[in-house]
């Protein structure tokens, strides 16, 4: 389901502040990326237009095969000590619309 929200909109609304560290544990590996001020996600030195593109690439670095990945639920960020999925920020943005 496409909700029509981009990370750049969430940053512009002040819900997330970039640069922001993103992280995930996948197949026992700690993966990290950075949400950039323009809404792109940097993983391993490459900027991806969407969190899902970055998540697919990150997931492909772990044993197994590269698969379609929902980046909104794959990546987490620290929200005052609580690890939250990007879906949390998207929900806050949609609620404020």
PDB file of N, CA and C in Angstrom:
ATOM      1  N   UNK A   1       0.848  -1.182   0.000  1.00  0.00           N
ATOM      2  CA  UNK A   1       0.000   0.000   0.000  1.00  0.00           C
ATOM      3  C   UNK A   1       0.888   1.239   0.000  1.00  0.00           C
ATOM      4  N   UNK A   2       0.670   2.119  -0.928  1.00  0.00           N
ATOM      5  CA  UNK A   2       1.437   3.369  -1.043  1.00  0.00           C
ATOM      6  C   UNK A   2       0.655   4.464  -0.351  1.00  0.00           C
ATOM      7  N   UNK A   3       1.285   5.109   0.610  1.00  0.00           N
ATOM      8  CA  UNK A   3       0.616   6.169   1.364  1.00  0.00           C
ATOM      9  C   UNK A   3       0.941   7.555   0.830  1.00  0.00           C
ATOM     10  N   UNK A   4       1.794   7.632  -0.195  1.00  0.00           N
ATOM     11  CA  UNK A   4       2.089   8.918  -0.816  1.00  0.00           C
ATOM     12  C   UNK A   4       2.882   9.876   0.049  1.00  0.00           C
ATOM     13  N   UNK A   5       3.688   9.351   0.952  1.00  0.00           N
ATOM     14  CA  UNK A   5       4.495  10.180   1.840  1.00  0.00           C
ATOM     15  C   UNK A   5       5.963   9.928   1.534  1.00  0.00           C
ATOM     16  N   UNK A   6       6.736  10.993   1.471  1.00  0.00           N
ATOM     17  CA  UNK A   6       8.171  10.863   1.268  1.00  0.00           C
ATOM     18  C   UNK A   6       8.902  11.341   2.512  1.00  0.00           C
ATOM     19  N   UNK A   7      10.080  10.802   2.727  1.00  0.00           N
ATOM     20  CA  UNK A   7      10.853  11.175   3.907  1.00  0.00           C
ATOM     21  C   UNK A   7      11.151  12.670   3.946  1.00  0.00           C
ATOM     22  N   UNK A   8      11.360  13.282   2.786  1.00  0.00           N
ATOM     23  CA  UNK A   8      11.618  14.722   2.744  1.00  0.00           C
ATOM     24  C   UNK A   8      10.473  15.531   3.335  1.00  0.00           C
ATOM     25  N   UNK A   9       9.242  15.068   3.141  1.00  0.00           N
ATOM     26  CA  UNK A   9       8.079  15.751   3.711  1.00  0.00           C
ATOM     27  C   UNK A   9       8.078  15.646   5.243  1.00  0.00           C
ATOM     28  N   UNK A  10       8.463  14.493   5.735  1.00  0.00           N
ATOM     29  CA  UNK A  10       8.490  14.271   7.180  1.00  0.00           C
ATOM     30  C   UNK A  10       9.580  15.126   7.823  1.00  0.00           C
ATOM     31  N   UNK A  11      10.698  15.278   7.127  1.00  0.00           N
ATOM     32  CA  UNK A  11      11.772  16.146   7.614  1.00  0.00           C
ATOM     33  C   UNK A  11      11.306  17.603   7.590  1.00  0.00           C
ATOM     34  N   UNK A  12      10.687  18.023   6.481  1.00  0.00           N
ATOM     35  CA  UNK A  12      10.215  19.405   6.357  1.00  0.00           C
ATOM     36  C   UNK A  12       9.181  19.754   7.418  1.00  0.00           C
ATOM     37  N   UNK A  13       8.399  18.756   7.836  1.00  0.00           N
ATOM     38  CA  UNK A  13       7.385  18.979   8.872  1.00  0.00           C
ATOM     39  C   UNK A  13       7.990  19.012  10.274  1.00  0.00           C
ATOM     40  N   UNK A  14       9.275  18.674  10.395  1.00  0.00           N
ATOM     41  CA  UNK A  14       9.944  18.703  11.696  1.00  0.00           C
ATOM     42  C   UNK A  14       9.752  17.456  12.531  1.00  0.00           C
ATOM     43  N   UNK A  15       9.174  16.415  11.967  1.00  0.00           N
ATOM     44  CA  UNK A  15       8.953  15.177  12.721  1.00  0.00           C
ATOM     45  C   UNK A  15      10.258  14.401  12.873  1.00  0.00           C
ATOM     46  N   UNK A  16      11.074  14.413  11.838  1.00  0.00           N
ATOM     47  CA  UNK A  16      12.427  13.848  11.903  1.00  0.00           C
ATOM     48  C   UNK A  16      13.413  14.950  11.567  1.00  0.00           C
ATOM     49  N   UNK A  17      14.570  14.908  12.219  1.00  0.00           N
ATOM     50  CA  UNK A  17      15.636  15.868  11.951  1.00  0.00           C
ATOM     51  C   UNK A  17      16.811  15.130  11.339  1.00  0.00           C
ATOM     52  N   UNK A  18      17.221  15.617  10.198  1.00  0.00           N
ATOM     53  CA  UNK A  18      18.333  14.976   9.486  1.00  0.00           C
ATOM     54  C   UNK A  18      19.577  15.839   9.580  1.00  0.00           C
ATOM     55  N   UNK A  19      20.751  15.236   9.589  1.00  0.00           N
ATOM     56  CA  UNK A  19      20.978  13.810   9.399  1.00  0.00           C
ATOM     57  C   UNK A  19      20.546  13.003  10.621  1.00  0.00           C
ATOM     58  N   UNK A  20      20.064  11.813  10.352  1.00  0.00           N
ATOM     59  CA  UNK A  20      19.555  10.942  11.402  1.00  0.00           C
ATOM     60  C   UNK A  20      20.093   9.532  11.171  1.00  0.00           C
ATOM     61  N   UNK A  21      20.655   8.948  12.218  1.00  0.00           N
ATOM     62  CA  UNK A  21      21.165   7.577  12.133  1.00  0.00           C
ATOM     63  C   UNK A  21      20.001   6.598  12.076  1.00  0.00           C
ATOM     64  N   UNK A  22      20.068   5.685  11.129  1.00  0.00           N
ATOM     65  CA  UNK A  22      19.102   4.597  10.998  1.00  0.00           C
ATOM     66  C   UNK A  22      19.839   3.293  11.260  1.00  0.00           C
ATOM     67  N   UNK A  23      19.129   2.307  11.766  1.00  0.00           N
ATOM     68  CA  UNK A  23      19.776   1.037  12.075  1.00  0.00           C
ATOM     69  C   UNK A  23      18.789  -0.112  11.971  1.00  0.00           C
ATOM     70  N   UNK A  24      19.353  -1.306  11.903  1.00  0.00           N
ATOM     71  CA  UNK A  24      18.555  -2.522  11.835  1.00  0.00           C
ATOM     72  C   UNK A  24      19.456  -3.701  12.174  1.00  0.00           C
ATOM     73  N   UNK A  25      18.884  -4.710  12.775  1.00  0.00           N
ATOM     74  CA  UNK A  25      19.583  -5.975  12.943  1.00  0.00           C
ATOM     75  C   UNK A  25      18.905  -6.960  12.012  1.00  0.00           C
ATOM     76  N   UNK A  26      19.681  -7.505  11.098  1.00  0.00           N
ATOM     77  CA  UNK A  26      19.141  -8.441  10.121  1.00  0.00           C
ATOM     78  C   UNK A  26      20.072  -9.642  10.035  1.00  0.00           C
ATOM     79  N   UNK A  27      19.511 -10.831  10.272  1.00  0.00           N
ATOM     80  CA  UNK A  27      20.282 -12.078  10.257  1.00  0.00           C
ATOM     81  C   UNK A  27      21.530 -11.961  11.129  1.00  0.00           C
ATOM     82  N   UNK A  28      21.357 -11.336  12.285  1.00  0.00           N
ATOM     83  CA  UNK A  28      22.439 -11.213  13.250  1.00  0.00           C
ATOM     84  C   UNK A  28      23.448 -10.116  12.955  1.00  0.00           C
ATOM     85  N   UNK A  29      23.256  -9.387  11.873  1.00  0.00           N
ATOM     86  CA  UNK A  29      24.186  -8.304  11.504  1.00  0.00           C
ATOM     87  C   UNK A  29      23.575  -6.961  11.831  1.00  0.00           C
ATOM     88  N   UNK A  30      24.403  -6.091  12.386  1.00  0.00           N
ATOM     89  CA  UNK A  30      23.986  -4.716  12.636  1.00  0.00           C
ATOM     90  C   UNK A  30      24.206  -3.919  11.358  1.00  0.00           C
ATOM     91  N   UNK A  31      23.158  -3.344  10.819  1.00  0.00           N
ATOM     92  CA  UNK A  31      23.236  -2.541   9.611  1.00  0.00           C
ATOM     93  C   UNK A  31      22.909  -1.101   9.976  1.00  0.00           C
ATOM     94  N   UNK A  32      23.590  -0.168   9.348  1.00  0.00           N
ATOM     95  CA  UNK A  32      23.323   1.235   9.653  1.00  0.00           C
ATOM     96  C   UNK A  32      23.299   2.056   8.372  1.00  0.00           C
ATOM     97  N   UNK A  33      22.550   3.138   8.429  1.00  0.00           N
ATOM     98  CA  UNK A  33      22.417   4.061   7.307  1.00  0.00           C
ATOM     99  C   UNK A  33      22.185   5.442   7.897  1.00  0.00           C
ATOM    100  N   UNK A  34      22.112   6.440   7.033  1.00  0.00           N
ATOM    101  CA  UNK A  34      21.864   7.806   7.479  1.00  0.00           C
ATOM    102  C   UNK A  34      20.768   8.438   6.629  1.00  0.00           C
ATOM    103  N   UNK A  35      19.768   8.972   7.302  1.00  0.00           N
ATOM    104  CA  UNK A  35      18.742   9.760   6.626  1.00  0.00           C
ATOM    105  C   UNK A  35      19.321  11.142   6.403  1.00  0.00           C
ATOM    106  N   UNK A  36      19.379  11.565   5.150  1.00  0.00           N
ATOM    107  CA  UNK A  36      19.986  12.845   4.794  1.00  0.00           C
ATOM    108  C   UNK A  36      18.923  13.948   4.748  1.00  0.00           C
ATOM    109  N   UNK A  37      19.349  15.212   4.864  1.00  0.00           N
ATOM    110  CA  UNK A  37      18.395  16.331   4.865  1.00  0.00           C
ATOM    111  C   UNK A  37      17.492  16.401   3.634  1.00  0.00           C
ATOM    112  N   UNK A  38      17.933  15.854   2.505  1.00  0.00           N
ATOM    113  CA  UNK A  38      17.098  15.895   1.295  1.00  0.00           C
ATOM    114  C   UNK A  38      16.102  14.733   1.238  1.00  0.00           C
ATOM    115  N   UNK A  39      16.093  13.879   2.269  1.00  0.00           N
ATOM    116  CA  UNK A  39      15.165  12.756   2.327  1.00  0.00           C
ATOM    117  C   UNK A  39      15.718  11.473   1.750  1.00  0.00           C
ATOM    118  N   UNK A  40      16.917  11.513   1.202  1.00  0.00           N
ATOM    119  CA  UNK A  40      17.531  10.279   0.705  1.00  0.00           C
ATOM    120  C   UNK A  40      18.155   9.533   1.884  1.00  0.00           C
ATOM    121  N   UNK A  41      18.465   8.270   1.647  1.00  0.00           N
ATOM    122  CA  UNK A  41      19.073   7.426   2.680  1.00  0.00           C
ATOM    123  C   UNK A  41      20.420   6.957   2.173  1.00  0.00           C
ATOM    124  N   UNK A  42      21.459   7.238   2.944  1.00  0.00           N
ATOM    125  CA  UNK A  42      22.821   6.840   2.599  1.00  0.00           C
ATOM    126  C   UNK A  42      23.126   5.505   3.275  1.00  0.00           C
ATOM    127  N   UNK A  43      23.449   4.519   2.458  1.00  0.00           N
ATOM    128  CA  UNK A  43      23.903   3.234   2.976  1.00  0.00           C
ATOM    129  C   UNK A  43      25.212   2.891   2.301  1.00  0.00           C
ATOM    130  N   UNK A  44      26.216   2.677   3.095  1.00  0.00           N
ATOM    131  CA  UNK A  44      27.532   2.235   2.611  1.00  0.00           C
ATOM    132  C   UNK A  44      28.090   3.171   1.534  1.00  0.00           C
ATOM    133  N   UNK A  45      27.882   4.487   1.739  1.00  0.00           N
ATOM    134  CA  UNK A  45      28.462   5.478   0.844  1.00  0.00           C
ATOM    135  C   UNK A  45      27.653   5.808  -0.397  1.00  0.00           C
ATOM    136  N   UNK A  46      26.486   5.197  -0.539  1.00  0.00           N
ATOM    137  CA  UNK A  46      25.622   5.473  -1.686  1.00  0.00           C
ATOM    138  C   UNK A  46      24.303   6.041  -1.189  1.00  0.00           C
ATOM    139  N   UNK A  47      23.852   7.131  -1.824  1.00  0.00           N
ATOM    140  CA  UNK A  47      22.568   7.738  -1.473  1.00  0.00           C
ATOM    141  C   UNK A  47      21.464   7.097  -2.308  1.00  0.00           C
ATOM    142  N   UNK A  48      20.420   6.657  -1.642  1.00  0.00           N
ATOM    143  CA  UNK A  48      19.258   6.053  -2.302  1.00  0.00           C
ATOM    144  C   UNK A  48      18.067   6.986  -2.159  1.00  0.00           C
ATOM    145  N   UNK A  49      17.262   7.061  -3.201  1.00  0.00           N
ATOM    146  CA  UNK A  49      16.114   7.972  -3.198  1.00  0.00           C
ATOM    147  C   UNK A  49      15.051   7.575  -2.189  1.00  0.00           C
ATOM    148  N   UNK A  50      14.998   6.313  -1.844  1.00  0.00           N
ATOM    149  CA  UNK A  50      13.968   5.870  -0.897  1.00  0.00           C
ATOM    150  C   UNK A  50      14.579   4.972   0.169  1.00  0.00           C
ATOM    151  N   UNK A  51      13.888   4.910   1.291  1.00  0.00           N
ATOM    152  CA  UNK A  51      14.345   4.048   2.375  1.00  0.00           C
ATOM    153  C   UNK A  51      14.254   2.582   1.963  1.00  0.00           C
ATOM    154  N   UNK A  52      13.325   2.252   1.088  1.00  0.00           N
ATOM    155  CA  UNK A  52      13.183   0.866   0.644  1.00  0.00           C
ATOM    156  C   UNK A  52      14.335   0.451  -0.272  1.00  0.00           C
ATOM    157  N   UNK A  53      14.781   1.345  -1.152  1.00  0.00           N
ATOM    158  CA  UNK A  53      15.931   1.023  -1.991  1.00  0.00           C
ATOM    159  C   UNK A  53      17.162   0.756  -1.133  1.00  0.00           C
ATOM    160  N   UNK A  54      17.376   1.600  -0.130  1.00  0.00           N
ATOM    161  CA  UNK A  54      18.515   1.417   0.770  1.00  0.00           C
ATOM    162  C   UNK A  54      18.368   0.121   1.562  1.00  0.00           C
ATOM    163  N   UNK A  55      17.162  -0.195   1.991  1.00  0.00           N
ATOM    164  CA  UNK A  55      16.925  -1.418   2.763  1.00  0.00           C
ATOM    165  C   UNK A  55      17.179  -2.659   1.920  1.00  0.00           C
ATOM    166  N   UNK A  56      16.752  -2.641   0.664  1.00  0.00           N
ATOM    167  CA  UNK A  56      16.990  -3.788  -0.216  1.00  0.00           C
ATOM    168  C   UNK A  56      18.480  -4.031  -0.405  1.00  0.00           C
ATOM    169  N   UNK A  57      19.232  -2.958  -0.593  1.00  0.00           N
ATOM    170  CA  UNK A  57      20.678  -3.094  -0.755  1.00  0.00           C
ATOM    171  C   UNK A  57      21.304  -3.598   0.542  1.00  0.00           C
ATOM    172  N   UNK A  58      20.900  -3.026   1.674  1.00  0.00           N
ATOM    173  CA  UNK A  58      21.447  -3.443   2.970  1.00  0.00           C
ATOM    174  C   UNK A  58      21.136  -4.907   3.231  1.00  0.00           C
ATOM    175  N   UNK A  59      19.918  -5.292   2.963  1.00  0.00           N
ATOM    176  CA  UNK A  59      19.510  -6.680   3.191  1.00  0.00           C
ATOM    177  C   UNK A  59      20.311  -7.635   2.305  1.00  0.00           C
ATOM    178  N   UNK A  60      20.678  -7.176   1.127  1.00  0.00           N
ATOM    179  CA  UNK A  60      21.463  -7.994   0.212  1.00  0.00           C
ATOM    180  C   UNK A  60      22.889  -8.228   0.664  1.00  0.00           C
ATOM    181  N   UNK A  61      23.370  -7.443   1.644  1.00  0.00           N
ATOM    182  CA  UNK A  61      24.733  -7.642   2.142  1.00  0.00           C
ATOM    183  C   UNK A  61      24.823  -8.778   3.147  1.00  0.00           C
ATOM    184  N   UNK A  62      23.686  -9.184   3.700  1.00  0.00           N
ATOM    185  CA  UNK A  62      23.660 -10.293   4.656  1.00  0.00           C
ATOM    186  C   UNK A  62      23.556 -11.600   3.869  1.00  0.00           C
ATOM    187  N   UNK A  63      23.917 -12.713   4.496  1.00  0.00           N
ATOM    188  CA  UNK A  63      23.780 -13.990   3.800  1.00  0.00           C
ATOM    189  C   UNK A  63      22.355 -14.172   3.286  1.00  0.00           C
ATOM    190  N   UNK A  64      22.258 -14.712   2.125  1.00  0.00           N
ATOM    191  CA  UNK A  64      20.937 -14.891   1.513  1.00  0.00           C
ATOM    192  C   UNK A  64      20.894 -14.163   0.189  1.00  0.00           C
ATOM    193  N   UNK A  65      19.731 -13.715  -0.182  1.00  0.00           N
ATOM    194  CA  UNK A  65      19.601 -13.035  -1.465  1.00  0.00           C
ATOM    195  C   UNK A  65      18.890 -11.700  -1.284  1.00  0.00           C
ATOM    196  N   UNK A  66      19.120 -10.805  -2.228  1.00  0.00           N
ATOM    197  CA  UNK A  66      18.479  -9.500  -2.201  1.00  0.00           C
ATOM    198  C   UNK A  66      16.996  -9.690  -2.511  1.00  0.00           C
ATOM    199  N   UNK A  67      16.143  -9.060  -1.707  1.00  0.00           N
ATOM    200  CA  UNK A  67      14.702  -9.204  -1.862  1.00  0.00           C
ATOM    201  C   UNK A  67      14.028  -7.843  -1.713  1.00  0.00           C
ATOM    202  N   UNK A  68      12.836  -7.717  -2.294  1.00  0.00           N
ATOM    203  CA  UNK A  68      12.058  -6.502  -2.072  1.00  0.00           C
ATOM    204  C   UNK A  68      11.893  -6.311  -0.573  1.00  0.00           C
ATOM    205  N   UNK A  69      12.073  -5.082  -0.119  1.00  0.00           N
ATOM    206  CA  UNK A  69      12.036  -4.798   1.310  1.00  0.00           C
ATOM    207  C   UNK A  69      11.317  -3.491   1.550  1.00  0.00           C
ATOM    208  N   UNK A  70      10.420  -3.486   2.533  1.00  0.00           N
ATOM    209  CA  UNK A  70       9.739  -2.272   2.930  1.00  0.00           C
ATOM    210  C   UNK A  70      10.666  -1.515   3.885  1.00  0.00           C
ATOM    211  N   UNK A  71      11.298  -0.471   3.384  1.00  0.00           N
ATOM    212  CA  UNK A  71      12.245   0.297   4.187  1.00  0.00           C
ATOM    213  C   UNK A  71      11.610   1.005   5.370  1.00  0.00           C
ATOM    214  N   UNK A  72      10.320   1.332   5.253  1.00  0.00           N
ATOM    215  CA  UNK A  72       9.620   2.012   6.355  1.00  0.00           C
ATOM    216  C   UNK A  72       9.576   1.141   7.612  1.00  0.00           C
ATOM    217  N   UNK A  73       9.479  -0.172   7.427  1.00  0.00           N
ATOM    218  CA  UNK A  73       9.457  -1.061   8.596  1.00  0.00           C
ATOM    219  C   UNK A  73      10.824  -1.687   8.867  1.00  0.00           C
ATOM    220  N   UNK A  74      11.727  -1.670   7.892  1.00  0.00           N
ATOM    221  CA  UNK A  74      13.063  -2.246   8.052  1.00  0.00           C
ATOM    222  C   UNK A  74      13.951  -1.362   8.925  1.00  0.00           C
ATOM    223  N   UNK A  75      14.001  -0.071   8.622  1.00  0.00           N
ATOM    224  CA  UNK A  75      14.893   0.853   9.335  1.00  0.00           C
ATOM    225  C   UNK A  75      14.254   1.364  10.605  1.00  0.00           C
ATOM    226  N   UNK A  76      15.095   1.524  11.630  1.00  0.00           N
ATOM    227  CA  UNK A  76      14.670   2.097  12.911  1.00  0.00           C
ATOM    228  C   UNK A  76      15.543   3.317  13.203  1.00  0.00           C
ATOM    229  N   UNK A  77      15.059   4.148  14.100  1.00  0.00           N
ATOM    230  CA  UNK A  77      15.811   5.314  14.552  1.00  0.00           C
ATOM    231  C   UNK A  77      15.572   5.472  16.045  1.00  0.00           C
ATOM    232  N   UNK A  78      16.455   6.191  16.704  1.00  0.00           N
ATOM    233  CA  UNK A  78      16.344   6.421  18.140  1.00  0.00           C
ATOM    234  C   UNK A  78      15.447   7.632  18.375  1.00  0.00           C
ATOM    235  N   UNK A  79      14.339   7.401  19.056  1.00  0.00           N
ATOM    236  CA  UNK A  79      13.399   8.464  19.405  1.00  0.00           C
ATOM    237  C   UNK A  79      13.411   8.622  20.921  1.00  0.00           C
ATOM    238  N   UNK A  80      14.334   9.445  21.409  1.00  0.00           N
ATOM    239  CA  UNK A  80      14.486   9.688  22.859  1.00  0.00           C
ATOM    240  C   UNK A  80      14.622   8.389  23.644  1.00  0.00           C
ATOM    241  N   UNK A  81      15.482   7.504  23.144  1.00  0.00           N
ATOM    242  CA  UNK A  81      15.762   6.255  23.842  1.00  0.00           C
ATOM    243  C   UNK A  81      14.920   5.071  23.397  1.00  0.00           C
ATOM    244  N   UNK A  82      13.911   5.292  22.575  1.00  0.00           N
ATOM    245  CA  UNK A  82      13.081   4.202  22.062  1.00  0.00           C
ATOM    246  C   UNK A  82      13.411   3.958  20.591  1.00  0.00           C
ATOM    247  N   UNK A  83      13.632   2.715  20.232  1.00  0.00           N
ATOM    248  CA  UNK A  83      13.880   2.371  18.824  1.00  0.00           C
ATOM    249  C   UNK A  83      12.537   2.318  18.117  1.00  0.00           C
ATOM    250  N   UNK A  84      12.377   3.174  17.126  1.00  0.00           N
ATOM    251  CA  UNK A  84      11.117   3.254  16.385  1.00  0.00           C
ATOM    252  C   UNK A  84      11.355   2.972  14.912  1.00  0.00           C
ATOM    253  N   UNK A  85      10.397   2.332  14.275  1.00  0.00           N
ATOM    254  CA  UNK A  85      10.438   2.144  12.835  1.00  0.00           C
ATOM    255  C   UNK A  85      10.094   3.471  12.156  1.00  0.00           C
ATOM    256  N   UNK A  86      10.535   3.634  10.926  1.00  0.00           N
ATOM    257  CA  UNK A  86      10.174   4.833  10.175  1.00  0.00           C
ATOM    258  C   UNK A  86       8.660   4.944  10.003  1.00  0.00           C
ATOM    259  N   UNK A  87       7.942   3.823  10.095  1.00  0.00           N
ATOM    260  CA  UNK A  87       6.480   3.873  10.008  1.00  0.00           C
ATOM    261  C   UNK A  87       5.896   4.730  11.123  1.00  0.00           C
ATOM    262  N   UNK A  88       6.567   4.790  12.266  1.00  0.00           N
ATOM    263  CA  UNK A  88       6.102   5.617  13.382  1.00  0.00           C
ATOM    264  C   UNK A  88       6.098   7.102  12.987  1.00  0.00           C
ATOM    265  N   UNK A  89       7.180   7.555  12.377  1.00  0.00           N
ATOM    266  CA  UNK A  89       7.269   8.945  11.938  1.00  0.00           C
ATOM    267  C   UNK A  89       6.253   9.235  10.836  1.00  0.00           C
ATOM    268  N   UNK A  90       6.079   8.273   9.924  1.00  0.00           N
ATOM    269  CA  UNK A  90       5.088   8.455   8.858  1.00  0.00           C
ATOM    270  C   UNK A  90       3.690   8.571   9.450  1.00  0.00           C
ATOM    271  N   UNK A  91       3.375   7.755  10.445  1.00  0.00           N
ATOM    272  CA  UNK A  91       2.074   7.829  11.104  1.00  0.00           C
ATOM    273  C   UNK A  91       1.846   9.168  11.779  1.00  0.00           C
ATOM    274  N   UNK A  92       2.882   9.686  12.431  1.00  0.00           N
ATOM    275  CA  UNK A  92       2.771  11.003  13.081  1.00  0.00           C
ATOM    276  C   UNK A  92       2.536  12.091  12.041  1.00  0.00           C
ATOM    277  N   UNK A  93       3.210  11.978  10.891  1.00  0.00           N
ATOM    278  CA  UNK A  93       3.033  12.944   9.815  1.00  0.00           C
ATOM    279  C   UNK A  93       1.603  12.897   9.272  1.00  0.00           C
ATOM    280  N   UNK A  94       1.100  11.686   9.027  1.00  0.00           N
ATOM    281  CA  UNK A  94      -0.253  11.541   8.493  1.00  0.00           C
ATOM    282  C   UNK A  94      -1.303  12.028   9.479  1.00  0.00           C
ATOM    283  N   UNK A  95      -1.073  11.783  10.771  1.00  0.00           N
ATOM    284  CA  UNK A  95      -2.018  12.241  11.793  1.00  0.00           C
ATOM    285  C   UNK A  95      -2.080  13.757  11.884  1.00  0.00           C
ATOM    286  N   UNK A  96      -0.956  14.400  11.585  1.00  0.00           N
ATOM    287  CA  UNK A  96      -0.898  15.854  11.678  1.00  0.00           C
ATOM    288  C   UNK A  96      -1.435  16.550  10.417  1.00  0.00           C
ATOM    289  N   UNK A  97      -1.630  15.808   9.345  1.00  0.00           N
ATOM    290  CA  UNK A  97      -2.120  16.389   8.081  1.00  0.00           C
ATOM    291  C   UNK A  97      -3.478  16.993   8.224  1.00  0.00           C
TER     292      UNK A  97
END
